[in-house]
Amino acid sequence: MRVINLDETGIKLINNNKNQIYITKETLKDFVAGKYTLINQQLKFNNKTLSLSTEEIKAFPTIIKYIKTEILKE
């Protein structure tokens, strides 16, 4: 999975199949706070869904950490 920082507007999470989910800056803190569901390899956040591979699910904690430290600067 890749994270694309769109600076002032938000981020895009892109899976290995090039599908993507857009998360606005306003909702990014909710996302990293865990206000999403991850069930049956489906990431759901704010009525948006992104399918993830087993490999992407294993890397998901690293993605959250990256967003917190590099994008939100927490």
N, C-alpha and C. Protein backbone atom coordinates (compact mmCIF):
# COMPACT_ATOMS: atom_id res chain seq x y z
N MET A 1 0.85 -1.17 0.00
CA MET A 1 0.00 0.00 0.00
C MET A 1 0.90 1.23 0.00
N ARG A 2 0.46 2.23 -0.73
CA ARG A 2 1.18 3.50 -0.79
C ARG A 2 0.32 4.61 -0.21
N VAL A 3 1.00 5.61 0.36
CA VAL A 3 0.33 6.80 0.87
C VAL A 3 0.80 7.97 0.02
N ILE A 4 -0.14 8.72 -0.52
CA ILE A 4 0.19 9.92 -1.29
C ILE A 4 -0.31 11.12 -0.49
N ASN A 5 0.61 11.99 -0.12
CA ASN A 5 0.26 13.19 0.63
C ASN A 5 -0.16 14.28 -0.34
N LEU A 6 -1.37 14.76 -0.19
CA LEU A 6 -1.89 15.80 -1.07
C LEU A 6 -1.82 17.18 -0.39
N ASP A 7 -0.84 17.33 0.49
CA ASP A 7 -0.57 18.56 1.23
C ASP A 7 -1.79 19.11 1.93
N GLU A 8 -2.35 20.21 1.45
CA GLU A 8 -3.42 20.90 2.16
C GLU A 8 -4.75 20.16 2.16
N THR A 9 -4.96 19.23 1.25
CA THR A 9 -6.29 18.63 1.13
C THR A 9 -6.45 17.30 1.83
N GLY A 10 -5.43 16.48 1.92
CA GLY A 10 -5.55 15.16 2.55
C GLY A 10 -4.56 14.18 1.99
N ILE A 11 -4.92 12.90 2.07
CA ILE A 11 -4.05 11.84 1.56
C ILE A 11 -4.88 10.86 0.74
N LYS A 12 -4.18 10.07 -0.05
CA LYS A 12 -4.77 8.93 -0.75
C LYS A 12 -4.01 7.69 -0.29
N LEU A 13 -4.75 6.65 0.01
CA LEU A 13 -4.19 5.33 0.25
C LEU A 13 -4.45 4.52 -1.00
N ILE A 14 -3.42 3.94 -1.57
CA ILE A 14 -3.55 3.18 -2.81
C ILE A 14 -3.09 1.75 -2.55
N ASN A 15 -3.95 0.78 -2.89
CA ASN A 15 -3.58 -0.62 -2.68
C ASN A 15 -2.77 -1.14 -3.86
N ASN A 16 -2.38 -2.40 -3.77
CA ASN A 16 -1.55 -3.01 -4.83
C ASN A 16 -2.27 -3.12 -6.17
N ASN A 17 -3.61 -3.07 -6.16
CA ASN A 17 -4.38 -3.14 -7.40
C ASN A 17 -4.71 -1.78 -7.97
N LYS A 18 -4.10 -0.74 -7.41
CA LYS A 18 -4.28 0.66 -7.85
C LYS A 18 -5.63 1.25 -7.47
N ASN A 19 -6.39 0.56 -6.62
CA ASN A 19 -7.61 1.14 -6.07
C ASN A 19 -7.21 2.11 -4.97
N GLN A 20 -8.05 3.10 -4.72
CA GLN A 20 -7.65 4.11 -3.75
C GLN A 20 -8.81 4.59 -2.90
N ILE A 21 -8.44 5.17 -1.77
CA ILE A 21 -9.38 5.81 -0.87
C ILE A 21 -8.79 7.17 -0.51
N TYR A 22 -9.62 8.18 -0.52
CA TYR A 22 -9.20 9.54 -0.21
C TYR A 22 -9.62 9.89 1.21
N ILE A 23 -8.71 10.44 1.99
CA ILE A 23 -9.01 10.85 3.35
C ILE A 23 -8.64 12.33 3.48
N THR A 24 -9.61 13.14 3.83
CA THR A 24 -9.37 14.58 3.95
C THR A 24 -8.54 14.89 5.18
N LYS A 25 -7.88 16.05 5.17
CA LYS A 25 -7.10 16.49 6.33
C LYS A 25 -7.99 16.58 7.57
N GLU A 26 -9.24 17.00 7.38
CA GLU A 26 -10.16 17.16 8.51
C GLU A 26 -10.47 15.84 9.20
N THR A 27 -10.45 14.73 8.47
CA THR A 27 -10.80 13.43 9.06
C THR A 27 -9.58 12.55 9.32
N LEU A 28 -8.40 13.04 8.98
CA LEU A 28 -7.18 12.24 9.12
C LEU A 28 -6.90 11.85 10.57
N LYS A 29 -7.14 12.75 11.52
CA LYS A 29 -6.90 12.43 12.93
C LYS A 29 -7.85 11.34 13.41
N ASP A 30 -9.09 11.35 12.93
CA ASP A 30 -10.02 10.27 13.27
C ASP A 30 -9.51 8.94 12.71
N PHE A 31 -8.98 8.98 11.52
CA PHE A 31 -8.47 7.77 10.89
C PHE A 31 -7.33 7.16 11.70
N VAL A 32 -6.33 7.96 12.05
CA VAL A 32 -5.19 7.41 12.81
C VAL A 32 -5.57 7.08 14.25
N ALA A 33 -6.67 7.64 14.73
CA ALA A 33 -7.17 7.30 16.07
C ALA A 33 -7.91 5.97 16.07
N GLY A 34 -8.05 5.36 14.91
CA GLY A 34 -8.66 4.04 14.82
C GLY A 34 -10.15 4.04 14.56
N LYS A 35 -10.69 5.13 14.05
CA LYS A 35 -12.12 5.21 13.78
C LYS A 35 -12.43 4.66 12.39
N TYR A 36 -11.89 3.50 12.11
CA TYR A 36 -12.12 2.77 10.86
C TYR A 36 -12.39 1.33 11.22
N THR A 37 -12.87 0.54 10.27
CA THR A 37 -13.00 -0.89 10.49
C THR A 37 -12.14 -1.62 9.46
N LEU A 38 -11.61 -2.74 9.89
CA LEU A 38 -10.79 -3.58 9.02
C LEU A 38 -11.27 -5.01 9.22
N ILE A 39 -12.23 -5.40 8.39
CA ILE A 39 -12.86 -6.71 8.50
C ILE A 39 -12.82 -7.40 7.14
N ASN A 40 -12.42 -8.68 7.15
CA ASN A 40 -12.36 -9.48 5.92
C ASN A 40 -11.58 -8.78 4.81
N GLN A 41 -10.45 -8.22 5.17
CA GLN A 41 -9.55 -7.55 4.23
C GLN A 41 -10.19 -6.32 3.57
N GLN A 42 -11.18 -5.74 4.23
CA GLN A 42 -11.84 -4.54 3.74
C GLN A 42 -11.62 -3.41 4.76
N LEU A 43 -10.95 -2.36 4.33
CA LEU A 43 -10.77 -1.17 5.15
C LEU A 43 -11.95 -0.25 4.86
N LYS A 44 -12.67 0.12 5.92
CA LYS A 44 -13.83 1.01 5.75
C LYS A 44 -13.64 2.23 6.62
N PHE A 45 -13.80 3.41 6.01
CA PHE A 45 -13.68 4.67 6.73
C PHE A 45 -14.55 5.71 6.03
N ASN A 46 -15.42 6.36 6.79
CA ASN A 46 -16.30 7.40 6.25
C ASN A 46 -17.04 6.96 4.98
N ASN A 47 -17.67 5.80 5.05
CA ASN A 47 -18.46 5.26 3.94
C ASN A 47 -17.63 4.96 2.69
N LYS A 48 -16.33 4.79 2.85
CA LYS A 48 -15.45 4.43 1.74
C LYS A 48 -14.82 3.09 2.07
N THR A 49 -14.60 2.27 1.05
CA THR A 49 -14.04 0.93 1.25
C THR A 49 -12.84 0.72 0.34
N LEU A 50 -11.83 0.06 0.90
CA LEU A 50 -10.63 -0.29 0.13
C LEU A 50 -10.25 -1.71 0.48
N SER A 51 -10.15 -2.57 -0.52
CA SER A 51 -9.73 -3.95 -0.31
C SER A 51 -8.22 -3.99 -0.11
N LEU A 52 -7.78 -4.78 0.86
CA LEU A 52 -6.36 -4.90 1.16
C LEU A 52 -5.92 -6.36 1.07
N SER A 53 -4.72 -6.56 0.63
CA SER A 53 -4.15 -7.90 0.59
C SER A 53 -3.66 -8.26 2.00
N THR A 54 -3.33 -9.52 2.20
CA THR A 54 -2.79 -9.96 3.49
C THR A 54 -1.51 -9.20 3.81
N GLU A 55 -0.68 -9.00 2.82
CA GLU A 55 0.56 -8.25 2.99
C GLU A 55 0.28 -6.80 3.41
N GLU A 56 -0.70 -6.18 2.80
CA GLU A 56 -1.06 -4.79 3.13
C GLU A 56 -1.62 -4.68 4.55
N ILE A 57 -2.36 -5.69 4.97
CA ILE A 57 -2.90 -5.68 6.33
C ILE A 57 -1.77 -5.78 7.34
N LYS A 58 -0.78 -6.61 7.05
CA LYS A 58 0.37 -6.74 7.95
C LYS A 58 1.15 -5.43 8.04
N ALA A 59 1.20 -4.67 6.95
CA ALA A 59 1.92 -3.40 6.92
C ALA A 59 1.10 -2.23 7.43
N PHE A 60 -0.18 -2.45 7.71
CA PHE A 60 -1.08 -1.37 8.08
C PHE A 60 -0.61 -0.57 9.31
N PRO A 61 -0.14 -1.21 10.38
CA PRO A 61 0.36 -0.43 11.52
C PRO A 61 1.51 0.51 11.15
N THR A 62 2.34 0.10 10.23
CA THR A 62 3.44 0.94 9.76
C THR A 62 2.89 2.14 8.99
N ILE A 63 1.85 1.95 8.22
CA ILE A 63 1.20 3.04 7.47
C ILE A 63 0.62 4.06 8.44
N ILE A 64 -0.07 3.58 9.48
CA ILE A 64 -0.64 4.48 10.48
C ILE A 64 0.47 5.28 11.16
N LYS A 65 1.54 4.60 11.53
CA LYS A 65 2.68 5.29 12.17
C LYS A 65 3.27 6.35 11.24
N TYR A 66 3.40 6.02 9.96
CA TYR A 66 3.93 6.97 8.99
C TYR A 66 3.03 8.21 8.89
N ILE A 67 1.74 8.00 8.83
CA ILE A 67 0.81 9.13 8.73
C ILE A 67 0.91 10.01 9.97
N LYS A 68 1.00 9.39 11.13
CA LYS A 68 1.11 10.15 12.38
C LYS A 68 2.39 10.98 12.42
N THR A 69 3.50 10.35 12.09
CA THR A 69 4.78 11.04 12.25
C THR A 69 5.16 11.96 11.11
N GLU A 70 4.86 11.58 9.89
CA GLU A 70 5.32 12.34 8.73
C GLU A 70 4.28 13.32 8.20
N ILE A 71 3.02 13.01 8.33
CA ILE A 71 1.99 13.88 7.77
C ILE A 71 1.35 14.74 8.86
N LEU A 72 0.99 14.11 9.98
CA LEU A 72 0.38 14.88 11.07
C LEU A 72 1.43 15.47 12.01
N LYS A 73 2.65 14.99 11.90
CA LYS A 73 3.78 15.47 12.73
C LYS A 73 3.51 15.31 14.22
N GLU A 74 2.94 14.16 14.59
CA GLU A 74 2.66 13.89 16.01
C GLU A 74 3.84 13.22 16.66
